Amino acid sequence: PGPRYHVIGNHDTDGGYQREQTVAWWKMTARYYSFDHAGTHFVVLDGNDR
């Protein structure tokens, strides 16, 4: 297995959770970020409207 990265999905803010709480829970560096792994560049985006 490789490294683990997280992205906010449309159900991650259900139950009254704020985006910032989700980012903190998963120890994400930000809601938007990119990284390189095994010769590929990945871009992580939070596509939720609000």
N, C-alpha and C. Protein backbone atom coordinates (compact mmCIF):
# COMPACT_ATOMS: atom_id res chain seq x y z
N PRO A 1 0.82 -1.21 0.00
CA PRO A 1 0.00 0.00 0.00
C PRO A 1 0.86 1.26 0.00
N GLY A 2 0.33 2.28 -0.63
CA GLY A 2 1.02 3.56 -0.69
C GLY A 2 0.52 4.51 0.37
N PRO A 3 0.89 5.77 0.25
CA PRO A 3 0.44 6.77 1.22
C PRO A 3 -1.06 7.00 1.10
N ARG A 4 -1.64 7.56 2.14
CA ARG A 4 -3.07 7.82 2.18
C ARG A 4 -3.32 9.33 2.18
N TYR A 5 -4.17 9.77 1.27
CA TYR A 5 -4.56 11.18 1.18
C TYR A 5 -6.08 11.25 1.21
N HIS A 6 -6.61 12.35 1.72
CA HIS A 6 -8.06 12.47 1.86
C HIS A 6 -8.58 13.65 1.06
N VAL A 7 -9.86 13.56 0.68
CA VAL A 7 -10.57 14.64 -0.01
C VAL A 7 -11.97 14.71 0.60
N ILE A 8 -12.50 15.92 0.73
CA ILE A 8 -13.83 16.09 1.30
C ILE A 8 -14.87 15.66 0.27
N GLY A 9 -15.76 14.77 0.68
CA GLY A 9 -16.85 14.33 -0.19
C GLY A 9 -18.16 15.01 0.19
N ASN A 10 -19.19 14.77 -0.61
CA ASN A 10 -20.45 15.47 -0.38
C ASN A 10 -21.16 15.04 0.90
N HIS A 11 -20.82 13.92 1.50
CA HIS A 11 -21.46 13.50 2.75
C HIS A 11 -20.61 13.79 3.99
N ASP A 12 -19.42 14.31 3.81
CA ASP A 12 -18.53 14.55 4.95
C ASP A 12 -18.97 15.71 5.83
N THR A 13 -19.88 16.54 5.35
CA THR A 13 -20.37 17.64 6.17
C THR A 13 -21.81 17.39 6.63
N ASP A 14 -22.32 16.17 6.42
CA ASP A 14 -23.64 15.81 6.96
C ASP A 14 -23.56 15.77 8.48
N GLY A 15 -24.67 15.93 9.12
CA GLY A 15 -24.69 15.86 10.58
C GLY A 15 -24.20 17.13 11.24
N GLY A 16 -24.12 18.22 10.49
CA GLY A 16 -23.73 19.50 11.08
C GLY A 16 -22.24 19.75 11.15
N TYR A 17 -21.42 18.86 10.60
CA TYR A 17 -19.97 19.08 10.63
C TYR A 17 -19.58 20.18 9.65
N GLN A 18 -18.69 21.04 10.06
CA GLN A 18 -18.16 22.09 9.20
C GLN A 18 -16.98 21.53 8.41
N ARG A 19 -16.69 22.13 7.27
CA ARG A 19 -15.55 21.67 6.46
C ARG A 19 -14.25 21.70 7.27
N GLU A 20 -14.08 22.76 8.04
CA GLU A 20 -12.84 22.89 8.82
C GLU A 20 -12.70 21.75 9.83
N GLN A 21 -13.83 21.28 10.39
CA GLN A 21 -13.79 20.15 11.31
C GLN A 21 -13.36 18.88 10.58
N THR A 22 -13.87 18.69 9.38
CA THR A 22 -13.50 17.52 8.59
C THR A 22 -12.02 17.56 8.22
N VAL A 23 -11.54 18.72 7.80
CA VAL A 23 -10.12 18.88 7.46
C VAL A 23 -9.25 18.55 8.68
N ALA A 24 -9.63 19.04 9.84
CA ALA A 24 -8.86 18.77 11.06
C ALA A 24 -8.91 17.29 11.44
N TRP A 25 -10.08 16.68 11.34
CA TRP A 25 -10.25 15.26 11.71
C TRP A 25 -9.34 14.36 10.88
N TRP A 26 -9.28 14.61 9.56
CA TRP A 26 -8.46 13.78 8.68
C TRP A 26 -7.02 14.27 8.57
N LYS A 27 -6.70 15.34 9.31
CA LYS A 27 -5.34 15.91 9.29
C LYS A 27 -4.91 16.28 7.88
N MET A 28 -5.86 16.84 7.12
CA MET A 28 -5.57 17.31 5.77
C MET A 28 -4.80 18.62 5.86
N THR A 29 -3.91 18.86 4.92
CA THR A 29 -3.15 20.12 4.92
C THR A 29 -4.02 21.29 4.51
N ALA A 30 -5.04 21.03 3.71
CA ALA A 30 -5.97 22.06 3.24
C ALA A 30 -7.10 21.36 2.49
N ARG A 31 -8.12 22.13 2.10
CA ARG A 31 -9.21 21.56 1.30
C ARG A 31 -8.80 21.33 -0.14
N TYR A 32 -7.78 22.04 -0.59
CA TYR A 32 -7.24 21.91 -1.94
C TYR A 32 -5.74 21.70 -1.81
N TYR A 33 -5.20 20.71 -2.47
CA TYR A 33 -3.76 20.49 -2.43
C TYR A 33 -3.35 19.56 -3.57
N SER A 34 -2.07 19.43 -3.77
CA SER A 34 -1.56 18.50 -4.78
C SER A 34 -0.34 17.79 -4.21
N PHE A 35 -0.01 16.67 -4.81
CA PHE A 35 1.15 15.90 -4.38
C PHE A 35 1.61 15.02 -5.53
N ASP A 36 2.83 14.57 -5.43
CA ASP A 36 3.41 13.65 -6.41
C ASP A 36 3.58 12.28 -5.76
N HIS A 37 3.26 11.24 -6.50
CA HIS A 37 3.47 9.88 -6.01
C HIS A 37 3.74 8.98 -7.20
N ALA A 38 4.83 8.25 -7.12
CA ALA A 38 5.20 7.26 -8.13
C ALA A 38 5.17 7.84 -9.55
N GLY A 39 5.69 9.05 -9.69
CA GLY A 39 5.80 9.67 -11.00
C GLY A 39 4.53 10.31 -11.54
N THR A 40 3.50 10.39 -10.71
CA THR A 40 2.24 11.00 -11.13
C THR A 40 1.92 12.17 -10.21
N HIS A 41 1.43 13.28 -10.79
CA HIS A 41 1.03 14.45 -10.02
C HIS A 41 -0.48 14.38 -9.80
N PHE A 42 -0.92 14.42 -8.54
CA PHE A 42 -2.33 14.36 -8.18
C PHE A 42 -2.78 15.73 -7.68
N VAL A 43 -4.00 16.13 -8.03
CA VAL A 43 -4.59 17.37 -7.55
C VAL A 43 -5.87 17.01 -6.80
N VAL A 44 -5.99 17.47 -5.57
CA VAL A 44 -7.15 17.20 -4.72
C VAL A 44 -7.96 18.48 -4.60
N LEU A 45 -9.25 18.41 -4.95
CA LEU A 45 -10.12 19.59 -4.92
C LEU A 45 -11.36 19.32 -4.07
N ASP A 46 -11.80 20.34 -3.36
CA ASP A 46 -13.07 20.27 -2.65
C ASP A 46 -14.12 20.84 -3.59
N GLY A 47 -14.91 20.00 -4.21
CA GLY A 47 -15.90 20.43 -5.18
C GLY A 47 -17.26 20.77 -4.60
N ASN A 48 -17.37 20.83 -3.29
CA ASN A 48 -18.64 21.16 -2.66
C ASN A 48 -18.88 22.66 -2.73
N ASP A 49 -20.12 23.04 -2.98
CA ASP A 49 -20.46 24.46 -3.14
C ASP A 49 -20.28 25.26 -1.86
N ARG A 50 -20.76 24.72 -0.75
CA ARG A 50 -20.70 25.46 0.52
C ARG A 50 -20.31 24.56 1.64
